[in-house]
Amino acid sequence: MAEVPVCPLCLRPIPSDVPQSRHHLIPKLRGGKGGPTVLLHHICHKTIHKTLRETELARNVNTIEALREHPDLAPFWAWIAKRPPGFAGKTR
């Protein structure tokens, strides 16, 4: 039986039946095409892109650690961590 992946941002499991997506640590439009990606809950991925611009992601927030610690994102990770893995509420 395969292990269920864990979102590296909210630390909740990502079962195969919940919305998920891959995040390019360096945005494709800023040179990250073909670069490393991470599997995230879709709501976590959407929150990144609603909060930060592609340039900021490419220059300053291009690691999991930087995303987890970013002051505009950290409160969301703490909040969403308390929700069930399939939670797909509206992003802010």
PDB file of N, CA and C in Angstrom:
ATOM      1  N   MET A   1       0.841  -1.186   0.000  1.00  0.00           N
ATOM      2  CA  MET A   1       0.000   0.000   0.000  1.00  0.00           C
ATOM      3  C   MET A   1       0.890   1.255   0.000  1.00  0.00           C
ATOM      4  N   ALA A   2       0.621   2.162  -0.917  1.00  0.00           N
ATOM      5  CA  ALA A   2       1.435   3.374  -1.053  1.00  0.00           C
ATOM      6  C   ALA A   2       1.165   4.345   0.091  1.00  0.00           C
ATOM      7  N   GLU A   3       2.220   5.027   0.483  1.00  0.00           N
ATOM      8  CA  GLU A   3       2.076   6.045   1.522  1.00  0.00           C
ATOM      9  C   GLU A   3       1.360   7.264   0.965  1.00  0.00           C
ATOM     10  N   VAL A   4       0.549   7.884   1.802  1.00  0.00           N
ATOM     11  CA  VAL A   4      -0.147   9.099   1.405  1.00  0.00           C
ATOM     12  C   VAL A   4       0.841  10.258   1.547  1.00  0.00           C
ATOM     13  N   PRO A   5       1.026  11.060   0.487  1.00  0.00           N
ATOM     14  CA  PRO A   5       1.947  12.195   0.592  1.00  0.00           C
ATOM     15  C   PRO A   5       1.430  13.228   1.588  1.00  0.00           C
ATOM     16  N   VAL A   6       2.340  14.034   2.089  1.00  0.00           N
ATOM     17  CA  VAL A   6       2.009  15.086   3.054  1.00  0.00           C
ATOM     18  C   VAL A   6       2.362  16.433   2.431  1.00  0.00           C
ATOM     19  N   CYS A   7       1.463  17.388   2.555  1.00  0.00           N
ATOM     20  CA  CYS A   7       1.720  18.748   2.070  1.00  0.00           C
ATOM     21  C   CYS A   7       2.836  19.347   2.930  1.00  0.00           C
ATOM     22  N   PRO A   8       3.929  19.791   2.329  1.00  0.00           N
ATOM     23  CA  PRO A   8       5.035  20.324   3.107  1.00  0.00           C
ATOM     24  C   PRO A   8       4.754  21.701   3.723  1.00  0.00           C
ATOM     25  N   LEU A   9       3.639  22.308   3.372  1.00  0.00           N
ATOM     26  CA  LEU A   9       3.310  23.622   3.913  1.00  0.00           C
ATOM     27  C   LEU A   9       2.367  23.534   5.097  1.00  0.00           C
ATOM     28  N   CYS A  10       1.246  22.837   4.935  1.00  0.00           N
ATOM     29  CA  CYS A  10       0.278  22.747   6.031  1.00  0.00           C
ATOM     30  C   CYS A  10       0.465  21.479   6.856  1.00  0.00           C
ATOM     31  N   LEU A  11       1.298  20.554   6.340  1.00  0.00           N
ATOM     32  CA  LEU A  11       1.632  19.299   7.013  1.00  0.00           C
ATOM     33  C   LEU A  11       0.454  18.338   7.165  1.00  0.00           C
ATOM     34  N   ARG A  12      -0.598  18.531   6.352  1.00  0.00           N
ATOM     35  CA  ARG A  12      -1.726  17.596   6.338  1.00  0.00           C
ATOM     36  C   ARG A  12      -1.496  16.567   5.238  1.00  0.00           C
ATOM     37  N   PRO A  13      -2.041  15.357   5.410  1.00  0.00           N
ATOM     38  CA  PRO A  13      -1.932  14.363   4.332  1.00  0.00           C
ATOM     39  C   PRO A  13      -2.672  14.833   3.081  1.00  0.00           C
ATOM     40  N   ILE A  14      -2.242  14.339   1.936  1.00  0.00           N
ATOM     41  CA  ILE A  14      -2.887  14.656   0.649  1.00  0.00           C
ATOM     42  C   ILE A  14      -3.397  13.346   0.049  1.00  0.00           C
ATOM     43  N   PRO A  15      -4.582  12.876   0.480  1.00  0.00           N
ATOM     44  CA  PRO A  15      -5.132  11.658  -0.118  1.00  0.00           C
ATOM     45  C   PRO A  15      -5.389  11.873  -1.613  1.00  0.00           C
ATOM     46  N   SER A  16      -5.397  10.788  -2.354  1.00  0.00           N
ATOM     47  CA  SER A  16      -5.556  10.889  -3.814  1.00  0.00           C
ATOM     48  C   SER A  16      -6.893  11.469  -4.244  1.00  0.00           C
ATOM     49  N   ASP A  17      -7.896  11.476  -3.353  1.00  0.00           N
ATOM     50  CA  ASP A  17      -9.217  11.973  -3.740  1.00  0.00           C
ATOM     51  C   ASP A  17      -9.459  13.436  -3.382  1.00  0.00           C
ATOM     52  N   VAL A  18      -8.423  14.150  -2.931  1.00  0.00           N
ATOM     53  CA  VAL A  18      -8.609  15.575  -2.616  1.00  0.00           C
ATOM     54  C   VAL A  18      -7.905  16.420  -3.669  1.00  0.00           C
ATOM     55  N   PRO A  19      -8.392  17.652  -3.895  1.00  0.00           N
ATOM     56  CA  PRO A  19      -7.752  18.523  -4.891  1.00  0.00           C
ATOM     57  C   PRO A  19      -6.289  18.787  -4.529  1.00  0.00           C
ATOM     58  N   GLN A  20      -5.423  18.594  -5.498  1.00  0.00           N
ATOM     59  CA  GLN A  20      -3.996  18.777  -5.290  1.00  0.00           C
ATOM     60  C   GLN A  20      -3.375  19.361  -6.541  1.00  0.00           C
ATOM     61  N   SER A  21      -2.202  19.933  -6.395  1.00  0.00           N
ATOM     62  CA  SER A  21      -1.502  20.466  -7.557  1.00  0.00           C
ATOM     63  C   SER A  21      -0.010  20.535  -7.260  1.00  0.00           C
ATOM     64  N   ARG A  22       0.766  20.706  -8.309  1.00  0.00           N
ATOM     65  CA  ARG A  22       2.221  20.820  -8.181  1.00  0.00           C
ATOM     66  C   ARG A  22       2.604  22.289  -8.253  1.00  0.00           C
ATOM     67  N   HIS A  23       3.487  22.674  -7.355  1.00  0.00           N
ATOM     68  CA  HIS A  23       3.975  24.049  -7.310  1.00  0.00           C
ATOM     69  C   HIS A  23       5.425  24.076  -7.763  1.00  0.00           C
ATOM     70  N   HIS A  24       5.725  24.927  -8.743  1.00  0.00           N
ATOM     71  CA  HIS A  24       7.111  25.148  -9.155  1.00  0.00           C
ATOM     72  C   HIS A  24       7.749  26.079  -8.131  1.00  0.00           C
ATOM     73  N   LEU A  25       8.823  25.623  -7.492  1.00  0.00           N
ATOM     74  CA  LEU A  25       9.470  26.465  -6.484  1.00  0.00           C
ATOM     75  C   LEU A  25       9.973  27.766  -7.103  1.00  0.00           C
ATOM     76  N   ILE A  26      10.438  27.695  -8.325  1.00  0.00           N
ATOM     77  CA  ILE A  26      10.736  28.913  -9.093  1.00  0.00           C
ATOM     78  C   ILE A  26       9.689  28.948 -10.201  1.00  0.00           C
ATOM     79  N   PRO A  27       8.875  30.012 -10.244  1.00  0.00           N
ATOM     80  CA  PRO A  27       7.795  30.067 -11.243  1.00  0.00           C
ATOM     81  C   PRO A  27       8.294  29.827 -12.666  1.00  0.00           C
ATOM     82  N   LYS A  28       7.486  29.127 -13.443  1.00  0.00           N
ATOM     83  CA  LYS A  28       7.844  28.813 -14.830  1.00  0.00           C
ATOM     84  C   LYS A  28       8.172  30.076 -15.619  1.00  0.00           C
ATOM     85  N   LEU A  29       7.421  31.136 -15.396  1.00  0.00           N
ATOM     86  CA  LEU A  29       7.639  32.377 -16.136  1.00  0.00           C
ATOM     87  C   LEU A  29       8.912  33.097 -15.718  1.00  0.00           C
ATOM     88  N   ARG A  30       9.540  32.651 -14.639  1.00  0.00           N
ATOM     89  CA  ARG A  30      10.762  33.282 -14.140  1.00  0.00           C
ATOM     90  C   ARG A  30      11.935  32.317 -14.192  1.00  0.00           C
ATOM     91  N   GLY A  31      11.878  31.354 -15.110  1.00  0.00           N
ATOM     92  CA  GLY A  31      13.000  30.447 -15.318  1.00  0.00           C
ATOM     93  C   GLY A  31      12.879  29.096 -14.647  1.00  0.00           C
ATOM     94  N   GLY A  32      11.738  28.796 -14.046  1.00  0.00           N
ATOM     95  CA  GLY A  32      11.594  27.540 -13.326  1.00  0.00           C
ATOM     96  C   GLY A  32      10.998  26.392 -14.119  1.00  0.00           C
ATOM     97  N   LYS A  33      10.761  26.600 -15.414  1.00  0.00           N
ATOM     98  CA  LYS A  33      10.198  25.518 -16.214  1.00  0.00           C
ATOM     99  C   LYS A  33      11.183  24.346 -16.214  1.00  0.00           C
ATOM    100  N   GLY A  34      10.675  23.181 -15.831  1.00  0.00           N
ATOM    101  CA  GLY A  34      11.543  22.015 -15.745  1.00  0.00           C
ATOM    102  C   GLY A  34      12.267  21.912 -14.412  1.00  0.00           C
ATOM    103  N   GLY A  35      12.093  22.912 -13.555  1.00  0.00           N
ATOM    104  CA  GLY A  35      12.745  22.913 -12.248  1.00  0.00           C
ATOM    105  C   GLY A  35      11.969  22.108 -11.228  1.00  0.00           C
ATOM    106  N   PRO A  36      12.431  22.125  -9.983  1.00  0.00           N
ATOM    107  CA  PRO A  36      11.787  21.317  -8.948  1.00  0.00           C
ATOM    108  C   PRO A  36      10.356  21.761  -8.652  1.00  0.00           C
ATOM    109  N   THR A  37       9.510  20.770  -8.410  1.00  0.00           N
ATOM    110  CA  THR A  37       8.127  21.027  -8.020  1.00  0.00           C
ATOM    111  C   THR A  37       7.827  20.262  -6.737  1.00  0.00           C
ATOM    112  N   VAL A  38       6.788  20.705  -6.035  1.00  0.00           N
ATOM    113  CA  VAL A  38       6.327  20.015  -4.832  1.00  0.00           C
ATOM    114  C   VAL A  38       4.824  19.825  -4.930  1.00  0.00           C
ATOM    115  N   LEU A  39       4.349  18.696  -4.403  1.00  0.00           N
ATOM    116  CA  LEU A  39       2.918  18.407  -4.384  1.00  0.00           C
ATOM    117  C   LEU A  39       2.296  19.100  -3.179  1.00  0.00           C
ATOM    118  N   LEU A  40       1.231  19.857  -3.435  1.00  0.00           N
ATOM    119  CA  LEU A  40       0.534  20.609  -2.387  1.00  0.00           C
ATOM    120  C   LEU A  40      -0.966  20.375  -2.501  1.00  0.00           C
ATOM    121  N   HIS A  41      -1.688  20.670  -1.418  1.00  0.00           N
ATOM    122  CA  HIS A  41      -3.146  20.775  -1.531  1.00  0.00           C
ATOM    123  C   HIS A  41      -3.418  21.931  -2.491  1.00  0.00           C
ATOM    124  N   HIS A  42      -4.469  21.804  -3.248  1.00  0.00           N
ATOM    125  CA  HIS A  42      -4.794  22.863  -4.201  1.00  0.00           C
ATOM    126  C   HIS A  42      -5.038  24.197  -3.483  1.00  0.00           C
ATOM    127  N   ILE A  43      -5.692  24.170  -2.328  1.00  0.00           N
ATOM    128  CA  ILE A  43      -5.966  25.404  -1.592  1.00  0.00           C
ATOM    129  C   ILE A  43      -4.669  26.059  -1.118  1.00  0.00           C
ATOM    130  N   CYS A  44      -3.681  25.256  -0.746  1.00  0.00           N
ATOM    131  CA  CYS A  44      -2.385  25.812  -0.334  1.00  0.00           C
ATOM    132  C   CYS A  44      -1.694  26.463  -1.529  1.00  0.00           C
ATOM    133  N   HIS A  45      -1.757  25.793  -2.677  1.00  0.00           N
ATOM    134  CA  HIS A  45      -1.144  26.328  -3.891  1.00  0.00           C
ATOM    135  C   HIS A  45      -1.811  27.640  -4.312  1.00  0.00           C
ATOM    136  N   LYS A  46      -3.137  27.639  -4.312  1.00  0.00           N
ATOM    137  CA  LYS A  46      -3.854  28.856  -4.695  1.00  0.00           C
ATOM    138  C   LYS A  46      -3.520  30.015  -3.760  1.00  0.00           C
ATOM    139  N   THR A  47      -3.372  29.735  -2.472  1.00  0.00           N
ATOM    140  CA  THR A  47      -3.076  30.791  -1.509  1.00  0.00           C
ATOM    141  C   THR A  47      -1.706  31.415  -1.782  1.00  0.00           C
ATOM    142  N   ILE A  48      -0.737  30.608  -2.147  1.00  0.00           N
ATOM    143  CA  ILE A  48       0.589  31.148  -2.487  1.00  0.00           C
ATOM    144  C   ILE A  48       0.451  32.174  -3.601  1.00  0.00           C
ATOM    145  N   HIS A  49      -0.241  31.792  -4.672  1.00  0.00           N
ATOM    146  CA  HIS A  49      -0.310  32.652  -5.849  1.00  0.00           C
ATOM    147  C   HIS A  49      -1.268  33.827  -5.680  1.00  0.00           C
ATOM    148  N   LYS A  50      -2.180  33.752  -4.745  1.00  0.00           N
ATOM    149  CA  LYS A  50      -3.044  34.903  -4.464  1.00  0.00           C
ATOM    150  C   LYS A  50      -2.332  35.898  -3.540  1.00  0.00           C
ATOM    151  N   THR A  51      -1.293  35.447  -2.855  1.00  0.00           N
ATOM    152  CA  THR A  51      -0.609  36.275  -1.869  1.00  0.00           C
ATOM    153  C   THR A  51       0.666  36.904  -2.411  1.00  0.00           C
ATOM    154  N   LEU A  52       1.412  36.161  -3.200  1.00  0.00           N
ATOM    155  CA  LEU A  52       2.734  36.617  -3.640  1.00  0.00           C
ATOM    156  C   LEU A  52       2.817  36.720  -5.162  1.00  0.00           C
ATOM    157  N   ARG A  53       3.583  37.683  -5.616  1.00  0.00           N
ATOM    158  CA  ARG A  53       3.815  37.850  -7.057  1.00  0.00           C
ATOM    159  C   ARG A  53       4.879  36.873  -7.525  1.00  0.00           C
ATOM    160  N   GLU A  54       4.850  36.568  -8.808  1.00  0.00           N
ATOM    161  CA  GLU A  54       5.811  35.635  -9.398  1.00  0.00           C
ATOM    162  C   GLU A  54       7.257  36.093  -9.150  1.00  0.00           C
ATOM    163  N   THR A  55       7.523  37.378  -9.271  1.00  0.00           N
ATOM    164  CA  THR A  55       8.879  37.882  -9.075  1.00  0.00           C
ATOM    165  C   THR A  55       9.351  37.645  -7.645  1.00  0.00           C
ATOM    166  N   GLU A  56       8.479  37.903  -6.672  1.00  0.00           N
ATOM    167  CA  GLU A  56       8.856  37.669  -5.274  1.00  0.00           C
ATOM    168  C   GLU A  56       9.094  36.185  -5.023  1.00  0.00           C
ATOM    169  N   LEU A  57       8.250  35.337  -5.605  1.00  0.00           N
ATOM    170  CA  LEU A  57       8.441  33.900  -5.465  1.00  0.00           C
ATOM    171  C   LEU A  57       9.796  33.482  -6.038  1.00  0.00           C
ATOM    172  N   ALA A  58      10.139  33.979  -7.203  1.00  0.00           N
ATOM    173  CA  ALA A  58      11.393  33.600  -7.853  1.00  0.00           C
ATOM    174  C   ALA A  58      12.612  34.101  -7.083  1.00  0.00           C
ATOM    175  N   ARG A  59      12.555  35.327  -6.598  1.00  0.00           N
ATOM    176  CA  ARG A  59      13.725  35.934  -5.951  1.00  0.00           C
ATOM    177  C   ARG A  59      13.902  35.545  -4.492  1.00  0.00           C
ATOM    178  N   ASN A  60      12.812  35.567  -3.722  1.00  0.00           N
ATOM    179  CA  ASN A  60      12.938  35.486  -2.270  1.00  0.00           C
ATOM    180  C   ASN A  60      12.231  34.318  -1.600  1.00  0.00           C
ATOM    181  N   VAL A  61      11.244  33.737  -2.258  1.00  0.00           N
ATOM    182  CA  VAL A  61      10.412  32.727  -1.595  1.00  0.00           C
ATOM    183  C   VAL A  61      10.373  31.476  -2.465  1.00  0.00           C
ATOM    184  N   ASN A  62      11.556  30.898  -2.717  1.00  0.00           N
ATOM    185  CA  ASN A  62      11.647  29.774  -3.647  1.00  0.00           C
ATOM    186  C   ASN A  62      12.070  28.473  -2.984  1.00  0.00           C
ATOM    187  N   THR A  63      11.811  28.365  -1.672  1.00  0.00           N
ATOM    188  CA  THR A  63      12.032  27.112  -0.954  1.00  0.00           C
ATOM    189  C   THR A  63      10.801  26.846  -0.079  1.00  0.00           C
ATOM    190  N   ILE A  64      10.649  25.604   0.332  1.00  0.00           N
ATOM    191  CA  ILE A  64       9.547  25.265   1.242  1.00  0.00           C
ATOM    192  C   ILE A  64       9.695  26.047   2.540  1.00  0.00           C
ATOM    193  N   GLU A  65      10.911  26.137   3.049  1.00  0.00           N
ATOM    194  CA  GLU A  65      11.139  26.853   4.308  1.00  0.00           C
ATOM    195  C   GLU A  65      10.718  28.316   4.194  1.00  0.00           C
ATOM    196  N   ALA A  66      11.084  28.950   3.097  1.00  0.00           N
ATOM    197  CA  ALA A  66      10.723  30.361   2.905  1.00  0.00           C
ATOM    198  C   ALA A  66       9.206  30.521   2.792  1.00  0.00           C
ATOM    199  N   LEU A  67       8.550  29.597   2.117  1.00  0.00           N
ATOM    200  CA  LEU A  67       7.087  29.657   2.004  1.00  0.00           C
ATOM    201  C   LEU A  67       6.436  29.458   3.374  1.00  0.00           C
ATOM    202  N   ARG A  68       6.917  28.487   4.149  1.00  0.00           N
ATOM    203  CA  ARG A  68       6.337  28.218   5.476  1.00  0.00           C
ATOM    204  C   ARG A  68       6.529  29.406   6.423  1.00  0.00           C
ATOM    205  N   GLU A  69       7.645  30.110   6.292  1.00  0.00           N
ATOM    206  CA  GLU A  69       7.977  31.183   7.231  1.00  0.00           C
ATOM    207  C   GLU A  69       7.539  32.568   6.760  1.00  0.00           C
ATOM    208  N   HIS A  70       7.073  32.696   5.533  1.00  0.00           N
ATOM    209  CA  HIS A  70       6.703  34.026   5.022  1.00  0.00           C
ATOM    210  C   HIS A  70       5.608  34.619   5.906  1.00  0.00           C
ATOM    211  N   PRO A  71       5.797  35.861   6.378  1.00  0.00           N
ATOM    212  CA  PRO A  71       4.837  36.453   7.318  1.00  0.00           C
ATOM    213  C   PRO A  71       3.413  36.590   6.782  1.00  0.00           C
ATOM    214  N   ASP A  72       3.238  36.673   5.479  1.00  0.00           N
ATOM    215  CA  ASP A  72       1.892  36.772   4.916  1.00  0.00           C
ATOM    216  C   ASP A  72       1.244  35.402   4.707  1.00  0.00           C
ATOM    217  N   LEU A  73       2.037  34.343   4.792  1.00  0.00           N
ATOM    218  CA  LEU A  73       1.516  32.997   4.569  1.00  0.00           C
ATOM    219  C   LEU A  73       1.455  32.153   5.847  1.00  0.00           C
ATOM    220  N   ALA A  74       2.357  32.379   6.773  1.00  0.00           N
ATOM    221  CA  ALA A  74       2.441  31.553   7.985  1.00  0.00           C
ATOM    222  C   ALA A  74       1.116  31.460   8.748  1.00  0.00           C
ATOM    223  N   PRO A  75       0.360  32.548   8.907  1.00  0.00           N
ATOM    224  CA  PRO A  75      -0.928  32.414   9.603  1.00  0.00           C
ATOM    225  C   PRO A  75      -1.897  31.486   8.872  1.00  0.00           C
ATOM    226  N   PHE A  76      -1.857  31.491   7.554  1.00  0.00           N
ATOM    227  CA  PHE A  76      -2.723  30.595   6.798  1.00  0.00           C
ATOM    228  C   PHE A  76      -2.334  29.142   7.037  1.00  0.00           C
ATOM    229  N   TRP A  77      -1.025  28.826   7.015  1.00  0.00           N
ATOM    230  CA  TRP A  77      -0.593  27.443   7.240  1.00  0.00           C
ATOM    231  C   TRP A  77      -1.053  26.960   8.619  1.00  0.00           C
ATOM    232  N   ALA A  78      -0.957  27.823   9.618  1.00  0.00           N
ATOM    233  CA  ALA A  78      -1.395  27.442  10.969  1.00  0.00           C
ATOM    234  C   ALA A  78      -2.905  27.195  10.996  1.00  0.00           C
ATOM    235  N   TRP A  79      -3.653  28.033  10.304  1.00  0.00           N
ATOM    236  CA  TRP A  79      -5.116  27.905  10.281  1.00  0.00           C
ATOM    237  C   TRP A  79      -5.551  26.652   9.518  1.00  0.00           C
ATOM    238  N   ILE A  80      -5.010  26.467   8.321  1.00  0.00           N
ATOM    239  CA  ILE A  80      -5.439  25.355   7.470  1.00  0.00           C
ATOM    240  C   ILE A  80      -5.002  24.014   8.055  1.00  0.00           C
ATOM    241  N   ALA A  81      -3.935  24.006   8.837  1.00  0.00           N
ATOM    242  CA  ALA A  81      -3.445  22.761   9.443  1.00  0.00           C
ATOM    243  C   ALA A  81      -4.498  22.124  10.349  1.00  0.00           C
ATOM    244  N   LYS A  82      -5.434  22.916  10.830  1.00  0.00           N
ATOM    245  CA  LYS A  82      -6.486  22.426  11.733  1.00  0.00           C
ATOM    246  C   LYS A  82      -7.711  21.914  10.971  1.00  0.00           C
ATOM    247  N   ARG A  83      -7.691  21.992   9.662  1.00  0.00           N
ATOM    248  CA  ARG A  83      -8.813  21.554   8.831  1.00  0.00           C
ATOM    249  C   ARG A  83      -8.563  20.137   8.317  1.00  0.00           C
ATOM    250  N   PRO A  84      -9.628  19.427   7.943  1.00  0.00           N
ATOM    251  CA  PRO A  84      -9.430  18.086   7.382  1.00  0.00           C
ATOM    252  C   PRO A  84      -8.695  18.161   6.035  1.00  0.00           C
ATOM    253  N   PRO A  85      -8.012  17.085   5.641  1.00  0.00           N
ATOM    254  CA  PRO A  85      -7.237  17.091   4.399  1.00  0.00           C
ATOM    255  C   PRO A  85      -8.033  17.485   3.163  1.00  0.00           C
ATOM    256  N   GLY A  86      -9.311  17.172   3.106  1.00  0.00           N
ATOM    257  CA  GLY A  86     -10.114  17.488   1.930  1.00  0.00           C
ATOM    258  C   GLY A  86     -10.725  18.873   1.950  1.00  0.00           C
ATOM    259  N   PHE A  87     -10.435  19.669   2.969  1.00  0.00           N
ATOM    260  CA  PHE A  87     -11.036  21.005   3.080  1.00  0.00           C
ATOM    261  C   PHE A  87     -10.613  21.829   1.860  1.00  0.00           C
ATOM    262  N   ALA A  88     -11.602  22.418   1.200  1.00  0.00           N
ATOM    263  CA  ALA A  88     -11.325  23.194  -0.012  1.00  0.00           C
ATOM    264  C   ALA A  88     -12.112  24.493  -0.005  1.00  0.00           C
ATOM    265  N   GLY A  89     -12.128  25.181   1.127  1.00  0.00           N
ATOM    266  CA  GLY A  89     -12.849  26.452   1.235  1.00  0.00           C
ATOM    267  C   GLY A  89     -12.259  27.491   0.306  1.00  0.00           C
ATOM    268  N   LYS A  90     -12.864  28.633   0.307  1.00  0.00           N
ATOM    269  CA  LYS A  90     -12.392  29.728  -0.541  1.00  0.00           C
ATOM    270  C   LYS A  90     -11.050  30.232  -0.044  1.00  0.00           C
ATOM    271  N   THR A  91     -10.200  30.607  -0.992  1.00  0.00           N
ATOM    272  CA  THR A  91      -8.920  31.200  -0.629  1.00  0.00           C
ATOM    273  C   THR A  91      -9.123  32.689  -0.408  1.00  0.00           C
ATOM    274  N   ARG A  92      -8.284  33.246   0.422  1.00  0.00           N
ATOM    275  CA  ARG A  92      -8.423  34.660   0.766  1.00  0.00           C
ATOM    276  C   ARG A  92      -8.006  35.570  -0.357  1.00  0.00           C
TER     277      ARG A  92
END
